[in-house]
Amino acid sequence: MKKIEKGTQFVTEHLDMFHCTVDGEPYDHVEGNSLVCAHNHRLDINKKGTLYFLNHAVNTEYDDAMLAARRRVLTAGLFDGIVDAVNEALPTTAQRIMDVGTGEGTPFARLLAKRGNIDTGIGFDISKAGVNLATQLETDAFFAVADLANLPFNDDSFDSIVEFFSPSAYEEFKRVLAPEGTLVKVVPASGYLHELREMLYPVDSPNHTYSNQKVVDRFMENYPTATQKEISYQWPIPADLYVDLLHMTPLHWGARPEAQAAAEATPLPAVTVNVVVLTVKQ
């Protein structure tokens, strides 16, 4: 089955989850490879089997090279422990799951596979390059390009929302998450990739250390009953992926060129994965 056919089939079967970003009306029907709302606004499914919900072009810092490096490192297992923790936080029954800021899609695809592919999964990102890469994965998930602040989904469309290091729009989450739905947000903790941070930035730099307190506090303000669970493990770095690991993270962007060169010339045997998993049932 071609990607456009697979995408059209998914949207046809789950049309009740999507709404038009022009007027907020639910899509009324699928005509050919196009979604059509009650006011006759049309949105075409493209050849990659995705939907592009943005009304304007967006420039992101996630270029093709960074996304490709990220795909190789995540395929090798950097986030596997995080995926396990998110899986444990979700209900065991079949869910309609939204992955916020899905990027190149590997963590979400691995989560759905770990759960036995019992779920209806939709991942979205503002990065067209990331979503295009996500469509290359062997997964039943549907991917779309969309804006976090204007989600193209109807009220109460999802049983669960997951976030792997992505920004949040809590009012939109509360709108699209069904009553008793589950939200799982993963944020980096102070030890996350600290070995890279300490190599790339001097001790007197504000980037030498990291605190997630503001992010956690904002989450807890919105969801006072949420639970917090810290996950930490060492990930052995495959020798051929060390430079990819450096390049897949925003840590690399702000470092001085000489610090980047020094880091690339000093391979590490392992790196720390340290995150906090925030979970709440709405």
C-alpha atoms as a PDB file:
ATOM      1  CA  MET A   1       0.000   0.000   0.000  1.00  0.00           C
ATOM      2  CA  LYS A   2       1.350   3.430  -0.925  1.00  0.00           C
ATOM      3  CA  LYS A   3       1.886   5.950   1.858  1.00  0.00           C
ATOM      4  CA  ILE A   4      -0.824   8.262   0.554  1.00  0.00           C
ATOM      5  CA  GLU A   5      -3.271   5.350   0.509  1.00  0.00           C
ATOM      6  CA  LYS A   6      -2.308   4.325   4.040  1.00  0.00           C
ATOM      7  CA  GLY A   7      -2.667   7.904   5.274  1.00  0.00           C
ATOM      8  CA  THR A   8      -6.038   8.322   3.595  1.00  0.00           C
ATOM      9  CA  GLN A   9      -7.250   5.067   5.115  1.00  0.00           C
ATOM     10  CA  PHE A  10      -6.185   6.187   8.602  1.00  0.00           C
ATOM     11  CA  VAL A  11      -7.872   9.571   8.289  1.00  0.00           C
ATOM     12  CA  THR A  12     -11.044   8.012   6.900  1.00  0.00           C
ATOM     13  CA  GLU A  13     -11.243   5.580   9.814  1.00  0.00           C
ATOM     14  CA  HIS A  14     -10.518   8.307  12.399  1.00  0.00           C
ATOM     15  CA  LEU A  15     -12.118  11.340  10.786  1.00  0.00           C
ATOM     16  CA  ASP A  16     -13.943  12.184  14.013  1.00  0.00           C
ATOM     17  CA  MET A  17     -10.601  13.088  15.653  1.00  0.00           C
ATOM     18  CA  PHE A  18      -9.687  15.928  13.264  1.00  0.00           C
ATOM     19  CA  HIS A  19     -11.015  19.434  12.831  1.00  0.00           C
ATOM     20  CA  CYS A  20     -10.400  22.240  10.392  1.00  0.00           C
ATOM     21  CA  THR A  21      -7.826  24.779  11.595  1.00  0.00           C
ATOM     22  CA  VAL A  22      -9.496  27.531   9.541  1.00  0.00           C
ATOM     23  CA  ASP A  23     -12.857  27.529  11.329  1.00  0.00           C
ATOM     24  CA  GLY A  24     -12.524  24.857  14.013  1.00  0.00           C
ATOM     25  CA  GLU A  25     -15.315  22.780  12.523  1.00  0.00           C
ATOM     26  CA  PRO A  26     -15.017  18.971  12.445  1.00  0.00           C
ATOM     27  CA  TYR A  27     -14.133  17.544   9.070  1.00  0.00           C
ATOM     28  CA  ASP A  28     -17.280  16.326   7.386  1.00  0.00           C
ATOM     29  CA  HIS A  29     -15.960  13.726   4.946  1.00  0.00           C
ATOM     30  CA  VAL A  30     -12.997  12.509   2.918  1.00  0.00           C
ATOM     31  CA  GLU A  31     -13.150  13.132  -0.811  1.00  0.00           C
ATOM     32  CA  GLY A  32     -10.414  11.346  -2.737  1.00  0.00           C
ATOM     33  CA  ASN A  33      -7.290  12.166  -0.716  1.00  0.00           C
ATOM     34  CA  SER A  34      -8.742  15.364   0.773  1.00  0.00           C
ATOM     35  CA  LEU A  35     -10.433  16.177   4.078  1.00  0.00           C
ATOM     36  CA  VAL A  36     -13.431  18.443   3.642  1.00  0.00           C
ATOM     37  CA  CYS A  37     -15.140  20.395   6.440  1.00  0.00           C
ATOM     38  CA  ALA A  38     -18.742  21.590   6.583  1.00  0.00           C
ATOM     39  CA  HIS A  39     -17.695  24.971   5.129  1.00  0.00           C
ATOM     40  CA  ASN A  40     -15.922  23.208   2.253  1.00  0.00           C
ATOM     41  CA  HIS A  41     -12.385  23.974   3.416  1.00  0.00           C
ATOM     42  CA  ARG A  42     -10.159  21.246   1.992  1.00  0.00           C
ATOM     43  CA  LEU A  43      -6.893  19.749   3.187  1.00  0.00           C
ATOM     44  CA  ASP A  44      -4.959  17.308   1.035  1.00  0.00           C
ATOM     45  CA  ILE A  45      -3.088  14.246   2.264  1.00  0.00           C
ATOM     46  CA  ASN A  46       0.326  14.391   0.597  1.00  0.00           C
ATOM     47  CA  LYS A  47       2.374  11.664  -1.085  1.00  0.00           C
ATOM     48  CA  LYS A  48       4.077  10.801   2.192  1.00  0.00           C
ATOM     49  CA  GLY A  49       0.698  10.084   3.760  1.00  0.00           C
ATOM     50  CA  THR A  50       0.722  13.082   6.078  1.00  0.00           C
ATOM     51  CA  LEU A  51      -1.319  16.242   6.618  1.00  0.00           C
ATOM     52  CA  TYR A  52       0.156  19.759   6.699  1.00  0.00           C
ATOM     53  CA  PHE A  53      -2.030  21.835   9.026  1.00  0.00           C
ATOM     54  CA  LEU A  54       0.104  24.977   9.184  1.00  0.00           C
ATOM     55  CA  ASN A  55      -1.211  28.075   7.455  1.00  0.00           C
ATOM     56  CA  HIS A  56       2.277  29.559   7.103  1.00  0.00           C
ATOM     57  CA  ALA A  57       5.850  28.405   6.613  1.00  0.00           C
ATOM     58  CA  VAL A  58       7.886  27.804   9.780  1.00  0.00           C
ATOM     59  CA  ASN A  59      11.658  27.813  10.165  1.00  0.00           C
ATOM     60  CA  THR A  60      13.031  25.431  12.782  1.00  0.00           C
ATOM     61  CA  GLU A  61      16.558  24.750  14.023  1.00  0.00           C
ATOM     62  CA  TYR A  62      16.130  21.033  13.422  1.00  0.00           C
ATOM     63  CA  ASP A  63      17.780  20.546  10.041  1.00  0.00           C
ATOM     64  CA  ASP A  64      18.062  17.323   8.052  1.00  0.00           C
ATOM     65  CA  ALA A  65      21.560  16.489   9.335  1.00  0.00           C
ATOM     66  CA  MET A  66      20.549  16.867  12.987  1.00  0.00           C
ATOM     67  CA  LEU A  67      17.401  14.818  12.509  1.00  0.00           C
ATOM     68  CA  ALA A  68      19.321  12.061  10.716  1.00  0.00           C
ATOM     69  CA  ALA A  69      21.865  11.951  13.557  1.00  0.00           C
ATOM     70  CA  ARG A  70      19.017  11.787  16.046  1.00  0.00           C
ATOM     71  CA  ARG A  71      17.413   8.908  14.141  1.00  0.00           C
ATOM     72  CA  ARG A  72      20.651   6.884  14.238  1.00  0.00           C
ATOM     73  CA  VAL A  73      21.243   7.476  17.969  1.00  0.00           C
ATOM     74  CA  LEU A  74      17.648   6.807  19.032  1.00  0.00           C
ATOM     75  CA  THR A  75      17.516   3.679  16.858  1.00  0.00           C
ATOM     76  CA  ALA A  76      20.586   2.488  18.757  1.00  0.00           C
ATOM     77  CA  GLY A  77      18.612   2.788  22.005  1.00  0.00           C
ATOM     78  CA  LEU A  78      19.451   6.053  23.796  1.00  0.00           C
ATOM     79  CA  PHE A  79      15.808   6.630  24.796  1.00  0.00           C
ATOM     80  CA  ASP A  80      14.767   3.004  25.340  1.00  0.00           C
ATOM     81  CA  GLY A  81      14.730   3.403  29.124  1.00  0.00           C
ATOM     82  CA  ILE A  82      12.609   6.536  28.763  1.00  0.00           C
ATOM     83  CA  VAL A  83      10.181   4.728  26.468  1.00  0.00           C
ATOM     84  CA  ASP A  84       9.899   1.948  29.074  1.00  0.00           C
ATOM     85  CA  ALA A  85       9.045   4.512  31.775  1.00  0.00           C
ATOM     86  CA  VAL A  86       6.391   6.208  29.625  1.00  0.00           C
ATOM     87  CA  ASN A  87       4.880   2.830  28.807  1.00  0.00           C
ATOM     88  CA  GLU A  88       4.645   2.013  32.516  1.00  0.00           C
ATOM     89  CA  ALA A  89       2.848   5.322  33.140  1.00  0.00           C
ATOM     90  CA  LEU A  90       0.157   4.677  30.531  1.00  0.00           C
ATOM     91  CA  PRO A  91      -2.965   2.542  30.970  1.00  0.00           C
ATOM     92  CA  THR A  92      -2.551  -1.004  29.661  1.00  0.00           C
ATOM     93  CA  THR A  93      -5.764  -0.827  27.621  1.00  0.00           C
ATOM     94  CA  ALA A  94      -5.864   0.359  24.005  1.00  0.00           C
ATOM     95  CA  GLN A  95      -5.505   4.139  23.838  1.00  0.00           C
ATOM     96  CA  ARG A  96      -5.854   6.968  21.366  1.00  0.00           C
ATOM     97  CA  ILE A  97      -2.407   8.521  21.912  1.00  0.00           C
ATOM     98  CA  MET A  98      -1.089  11.887  20.759  1.00  0.00           C
ATOM     99  CA  ASP A  99       2.691  12.383  20.674  1.00  0.00           C
ATOM    100  CA  VAL A 100       3.528  16.081  21.019  1.00  0.00           C
ATOM    101  CA  GLY A 101       6.572  17.301  19.084  1.00  0.00           C
ATOM    102  CA  THR A 102       7.204  13.837  17.671  1.00  0.00           C
ATOM    103  CA  GLY A 103      10.323  14.930  15.766  1.00  0.00           C
ATOM    104  CA  GLU A 104      11.626  12.075  13.623  1.00  0.00           C
ATOM    105  CA  GLY A 105       9.243   9.709  15.402  1.00  0.00           C
ATOM    106  CA  THR A 106      11.481   6.936  16.776  1.00  0.00           C
ATOM    107  CA  PRO A 107      10.472   7.159  20.479  1.00  0.00           C
ATOM    108  CA  PHE A 108       6.767   7.173  19.588  1.00  0.00           C
ATOM    109  CA  ALA A 109       7.088   4.267  17.163  1.00  0.00           C
ATOM    110  CA  ARG A 110       8.988   2.275  19.784  1.00  0.00           C
ATOM    111  CA  LEU A 111       6.383   3.077  22.434  1.00  0.00           C
ATOM    112  CA  LEU A 112       3.544   1.851  20.220  1.00  0.00           C
ATOM    113  CA  ALA A 113       5.480  -1.309  19.324  1.00  0.00           C
ATOM    114  CA  LYS A 114       6.245  -2.014  22.988  1.00  0.00           C
ATOM    115  CA  ARG A 115       2.519  -1.767  23.708  1.00  0.00           C
ATOM    116  CA  GLY A 116       1.807  -4.384  21.040  1.00  0.00           C
ATOM    117  CA  ASN A 117       0.519  -1.891  18.449  1.00  0.00           C
ATOM    118  CA  ILE A 118      -2.904  -1.926  20.127  1.00  0.00           C
ATOM    119  CA  ASP A 119      -3.279   1.865  20.077  1.00  0.00           C
ATOM    120  CA  THR A 120      -4.365   4.552  17.641  1.00  0.00           C
ATOM    121  CA  GLY A 121      -1.324   6.808  17.483  1.00  0.00           C
ATOM    122  CA  ILE A 122      -0.979  10.305  16.039  1.00  0.00           C
ATOM    123  CA  GLY A 123       2.323  12.159  16.229  1.00  0.00           C
ATOM    124  CA  PHE A 124       2.760  15.758  15.152  1.00  0.00           C
ATOM    125  CA  ASP A 125       5.563  18.281  14.931  1.00  0.00           C
ATOM    126  CA  ILE A 126       6.075  21.788  13.616  1.00  0.00           C
ATOM    127  CA  SER A 127       9.105  20.498  11.706  1.00  0.00           C
ATOM    128  CA  LYS A 128       8.189  19.277   8.231  1.00  0.00           C
ATOM    129  CA  ALA A 129      11.614  17.646   7.897  1.00  0.00           C
ATOM    130  CA  GLY A 130      11.060  15.704  11.113  1.00  0.00           C
ATOM    131  CA  VAL A 131       7.622  14.482  10.078  1.00  0.00           C
ATOM    132  CA  ASN A 132       8.887  13.481   6.632  1.00  0.00           C
ATOM    133  CA  LEU A 133      11.552  11.364   8.338  1.00  0.00           C
ATOM    134  CA  ALA A 134       8.954   9.888  10.701  1.00  0.00           C
ATOM    135  CA  THR A 135       6.930   8.604   7.739  1.00  0.00           C
ATOM    136  CA  GLN A 136       9.848   6.320   6.855  1.00  0.00           C
ATOM    137  CA  LEU A 137       9.387   4.304  10.056  1.00  0.00           C
ATOM    138  CA  GLU A 138       7.687   0.911  10.090  1.00  0.00           C
ATOM    139  CA  THR A 139       4.742   1.902  12.266  1.00  0.00           C
ATOM    140  CA  ASP A 140       0.970   2.260  12.129  1.00  0.00           C
ATOM    141  CA  ALA A 141       1.221   5.747  13.649  1.00  0.00           C
ATOM    142  CA  PHE A 142      -0.096   8.679  11.637  1.00  0.00           C
ATOM    143  CA  PHE A 143       2.108  11.768  11.442  1.00  0.00           C
ATOM    144  CA  ALA A 144       1.187  15.388  10.704  1.00  0.00           C
ATOM    145  CA  VAL A 145       2.755  18.848  10.620  1.00  0.00           C
ATOM    146  CA  ALA A 146       0.843  21.015  13.085  1.00  0.00           C
ATOM    147  CA  ASP A 147       1.109  23.865  15.575  1.00  0.00           C
ATOM    148  CA  LEU A 148       1.071  23.063  19.273  1.00  0.00           C
ATOM    149  CA  ALA A 149      -0.936  26.230  19.979  1.00  0.00           C
ATOM    150  CA  ASN A 150      -3.663  25.385  17.459  1.00  0.00           C
ATOM    151  CA  LEU A 151      -4.145  21.632  17.520  1.00  0.00           C
ATOM    152  CA  PRO A 152      -6.134  20.262  14.558  1.00  0.00           C
ATOM    153  CA  PHE A 153      -8.086  17.847  16.742  1.00  0.00           C
ATOM    154  CA  ASN A 154     -11.596  17.808  18.140  1.00  0.00           C
ATOM    155  CA  ASP A 155     -12.361  18.101  21.856  1.00  0.00           C
ATOM    156  CA  ASP A 156     -11.829  14.913  23.902  1.00  0.00           C
ATOM    157  CA  SER A 157     -10.150  13.149  20.948  1.00  0.00           C
ATOM    158  CA  PHE A 158      -7.357  11.427  22.890  1.00  0.00           C
ATOM    159  CA  ASP A 159      -7.171   9.046  25.829  1.00  0.00           C
ATOM    160  CA  SER A 160      -3.490   9.805  26.389  1.00  0.00           C
ATOM    161  CA  ILE A 161      -0.944  12.472  25.504  1.00  0.00           C
ATOM    162  CA  VAL A 162       2.806  11.845  25.646  1.00  0.00           C
ATOM    163  CA  GLU A 163       5.649  14.349  25.412  1.00  0.00           C
ATOM    164  CA  PHE A 164       9.299  13.455  24.988  1.00  0.00           C
ATOM    165  CA  PHE A 165      11.156  16.713  25.797  1.00  0.00           C
ATOM    166  CA  SER A 166       8.679  18.899  23.920  1.00  0.00           C
ATOM    167  CA  PRO A 167       7.037  22.231  24.776  1.00  0.00           C
ATOM    168  CA  SER A 168       3.512  22.231  26.197  1.00  0.00           C
ATOM    169  CA  ALA A 169       0.237  24.062  25.554  1.00  0.00           C
ATOM    170  CA  TYR A 170      -1.788  23.029  28.570  1.00  0.00           C
ATOM    171  CA  GLU A 171      -5.070  24.668  27.601  1.00  0.00           C
ATOM    172  CA  GLU A 172      -5.009  22.807  24.296  1.00  0.00           C
ATOM    173  CA  PHE A 173      -4.077  19.575  26.058  1.00  0.00           C
ATOM    174  CA  LYS A 174      -7.019  19.954  28.407  1.00  0.00           C
ATOM    175  CA  ARG A 175      -9.301  20.531  25.420  1.00  0.00           C
ATOM    176  CA  VAL A 176      -8.271  17.497  23.338  1.00  0.00           C
ATOM    177  CA  LEU A 177      -7.711  15.058  26.216  1.00  0.00           C
ATOM    178  CA  ALA A 178     -10.801  13.032  27.116  1.00  0.00           C
ATOM    179  CA  PRO A 179     -12.149  12.989  30.696  1.00  0.00           C
ATOM    180  CA  GLU A 180     -10.010  10.680  32.845  1.00  0.00           C
ATOM    181  CA  GLY A 181      -7.331  10.845  30.140  1.00  0.00           C
ATOM    182  CA  THR A 182      -3.620  10.467  30.947  1.00  0.00           C
ATOM    183  CA  LEU A 183      -0.846  12.993  30.267  1.00  0.00           C
ATOM    184  CA  VAL A 184       2.795  11.884  30.474  1.00  0.00           C
ATOM    185  CA  LYS A 185       5.510  14.527  30.083  1.00  0.00           C
ATOM    186  CA  VAL A 186       9.222  13.697  30.057  1.00  0.00           C
ATOM    187  CA  VAL A 187      11.627  16.512  30.948  1.00  0.00           C
ATOM    188  CA  PRO A 188      15.416  16.369  31.276  1.00  0.00           C
ATOM    189  CA  ALA A 189      16.798  16.369  34.812  1.00  0.00           C
ATOM    190  CA  SER A 190      20.051  17.977  35.961  1.00  0.00           C
ATOM    191  CA  GLY A 191      22.133  14.922  35.062  1.00  0.00           C
ATOM    192  CA  TYR A 192      20.827  14.522  31.497  1.00  0.00           C
ATOM    193  CA  LEU A 193      23.835  14.212  29.154  1.00  0.00           C
ATOM    194  CA  HIS A 194      25.843  16.135  31.743  1.00  0.00           C
ATOM    195  CA  GLU A 195      29.076  14.708  30.355  1.00  0.00           C
ATOM    196  CA  LEU A 196      28.465  16.503  27.051  1.00  0.00           C
ATOM    197  CA  ARG A 197      27.344  19.710  28.753  1.00  0.00           C
ATOM    198  CA  GLU A 198      30.505  19.799  30.875  1.00  0.00           C
ATOM    199  CA  MET A 199      32.720  19.195  27.833  1.00  0.00           C
ATOM    200  CA  LEU A 200      31.077  21.843  25.674  1.00  0.00           C
ATOM    201  CA  TYR A 201      30.715  24.668  28.197  1.00  0.00           C
ATOM    202  CA  PRO A 202      33.157  26.159  30.750  1.00  0.00           C
ATOM    203  CA  VAL A 203      32.367  26.056  34.449  1.00  0.00           C
ATOM    204  CA  ASP A 204      31.374  29.721  34.523  1.00  0.00           C
ATOM    205  CA  SER A 205      28.869  29.305  31.671  1.00  0.00           C
ATOM    206  CA  PRO A 206      25.129  29.148  32.544  1.00  0.00           C
ATOM    207  CA  ASN A 207      24.945  26.170  30.159  1.00  0.00           C
ATOM    208  CA  HIS A 208      27.421  24.145  32.217  1.00  0.00           C
ATOM    209  CA  THR A 209      24.564  23.019  34.465  1.00  0.00           C
ATOM    210  CA  TYR A 210      20.826  22.612  33.986  1.00  0.00           C
ATOM    211  CA  SER A 211      17.695  22.851  36.104  1.00  0.00           C
ATOM    212  CA  ASN A 212      14.189  21.771  35.051  1.00  0.00           C
ATOM    213  CA  GLN A 213      12.503  23.406  38.046  1.00  0.00           C
ATOM    214  CA  LYS A 214      10.585  26.045  36.082  1.00  0.00           C
ATOM    215  CA  VAL A 215       9.166  23.434  33.701  1.00  0.00           C
ATOM    216  CA  VAL A 216       8.193  21.106  36.539  1.00  0.00           C
ATOM    217  CA  ASP A 217       6.647  23.945  38.551  1.00  0.00           C
ATOM    218  CA  ARG A 218       4.502  25.041  35.601  1.00  0.00           C
ATOM    219  CA  PHE A 219       3.310  21.477  35.046  1.00  0.00           C
ATOM    220  CA  MET A 220       2.415  21.114  38.725  1.00  0.00           C
ATOM    221  CA  GLU A 221       0.546  24.442  38.663  1.00  0.00           C
ATOM    222  CA  ASN A 222      -1.671  23.038  35.914  1.00  0.00           C
ATOM    223  CA  TYR A 223      -1.906  19.546  37.401  1.00  0.00           C
ATOM    224  CA  PRO A 224      -1.443  19.689  41.209  1.00  0.00           C
ATOM    225  CA  THR A 225      -2.164  15.955  41.598  1.00  0.00           C
ATOM    226  CA  ALA A 226       0.564  14.883  39.155  1.00  0.00           C
ATOM    227  CA  THR A 227       3.233  12.405  40.173  1.00  0.00           C
ATOM    228  CA  GLN A 228       6.955  12.748  39.521  1.00  0.00           C
ATOM    229  CA  LYS A 229       9.342   9.866  38.878  1.00  0.00           C
ATOM    230  CA  GLU A 230      13.059  10.277  38.219  1.00  0.00           C
ATOM    231  CA  ILE A 231      14.730   7.866  35.786  1.00  0.00           C
ATOM    232  CA  SER A 232      18.493   7.579  35.462  1.00  0.00           C
ATOM    233  CA  TYR A 233      20.751   5.164  33.598  1.00  0.00           C
ATOM    234  CA  GLN A 234      24.082   4.978  31.800  1.00  0.00           C
ATOM    235  CA  TRP A 235      23.996   4.462  28.046  1.00  0.00           C
ATOM    236  CA  PRO A 236      27.117   2.949  26.438  1.00  0.00           C
ATOM    237  CA  ILE A 237      27.879   5.042  23.355  1.00  0.00           C
ATOM    238  CA  PRO A 238      28.605   3.045  20.189  1.00  0.00           C
ATOM    239  CA  ALA A 239      31.940   4.352  18.894  1.00  0.00           C
ATOM    240  CA  ASP A 240      30.540   5.137  15.449  1.00  0.00           C
ATOM    241  CA  LEU A 241      27.681   7.186  16.931  1.00  0.00           C
ATOM    242  CA  TYR A 242      29.593   9.476  19.280  1.00  0.00           C
ATOM    243  CA  VAL A 243      29.695  12.438  16.876  1.00  0.00           C
ATOM    244  CA  ASP A 244      26.018  11.849  16.032  1.00  0.00           C
ATOM    245  CA  LEU A 245      25.226  12.062  19.748  1.00  0.00           C
ATOM    246  CA  LEU A 246      26.997  15.406  19.936  1.00  0.00           C
ATOM    247  CA  HIS A 247      25.168  16.744  16.900  1.00  0.00           C
ATOM    248  CA  MET A 248      21.652  15.512  17.763  1.00  0.00           C
ATOM    249  CA  THR A 249      21.262  17.743  20.808  1.00  0.00           C
ATOM    250  CA  PRO A 250      20.763  21.537  21.067  1.00  0.00           C
ATOM    251  CA  LEU A 251      23.687  21.520  23.515  1.00  0.00           C
ATOM    252  CA  HIS A 252      25.971  21.535  20.489  1.00  0.00           C
ATOM    253  CA  TRP A 253      24.502  24.680  18.915  1.00  0.00           C
ATOM    254  CA  GLY A 254      25.638  27.276  21.436  1.00  0.00           C
ATOM    255  CA  ALA A 255      29.099  25.908  22.168  1.00  0.00           C
ATOM    256  CA  ARG A 256      32.205  27.666  20.869  1.00  0.00           C
ATOM    257  CA  PRO A 257      33.739  26.060  17.736  1.00  0.00           C
ATOM    258  CA  GLU A 258      36.919  25.157  19.613  1.00  0.00           C
ATOM    259  CA  ALA A 259      34.861  23.463  22.349  1.00  0.00           C
ATOM    260  CA  GLN A 260      32.913  21.526  19.716  1.00  0.00           C
ATOM    261  CA  ALA A 261      36.135  20.374  18.051  1.00  0.00           C
ATOM    262  CA  ALA A 262      37.648  19.350  21.388  1.00  0.00           C
ATOM    263  CA  ALA A 263      34.520  17.379  22.312  1.00  0.00           C
ATOM    264  CA  GLU A 264      34.487  15.578  18.964  1.00  0.00           C
ATOM    265  CA  ALA A 265      38.145  14.626  19.455  1.00  0.00           C
ATOM    266  CA  THR A 266      37.505  13.204  22.945  1.00  0.00           C
ATOM    267  CA  PRO A 267      35.048  10.284  22.632  1.00  0.00           C
ATOM    268  CA  LEU A 268      33.209   9.215  25.760  1.00  0.00           C
ATOM    269  CA  PRO A 269      32.465   5.555  26.569  1.00  0.00           C
ATOM    270  CA  ALA A 270      29.027   6.300  28.034  1.00  0.00           C
ATOM    271  CA  VAL A 271      26.593   9.093  28.785  1.00  0.00           C
ATOM    272  CA  THR A 272      23.999   9.671  31.512  1.00  0.00           C
ATOM    273  CA  VAL A 273      20.295   9.660  30.711  1.00  0.00           C
ATOM    274  CA  ASN A 274      18.516  11.405  33.575  1.00  0.00           C
ATOM    275  CA  VAL A 275      14.891  12.536  33.235  1.00  0.00           C
ATOM    276  CA  VAL A 276      11.770  13.226  35.257  1.00  0.00           C
ATOM    277  CA  VAL A 277       8.514  11.602  34.151  1.00  0.00           C
ATOM    278  CA  LEU A 278       5.474  13.695  35.091  1.00  0.00           C
ATOM    279  CA  THR A 279       2.155  11.852  34.996  1.00  0.00           C
ATOM    280  CA  VAL A 280      -1.399  12.949  35.635  1.00  0.00           C
ATOM    281  CA  LYS A 281      -4.882  11.639  34.954  1.00  0.00           C
ATOM    282  CA  GLN A 282      -7.073  14.552  33.908  1.00  0.00           C
END
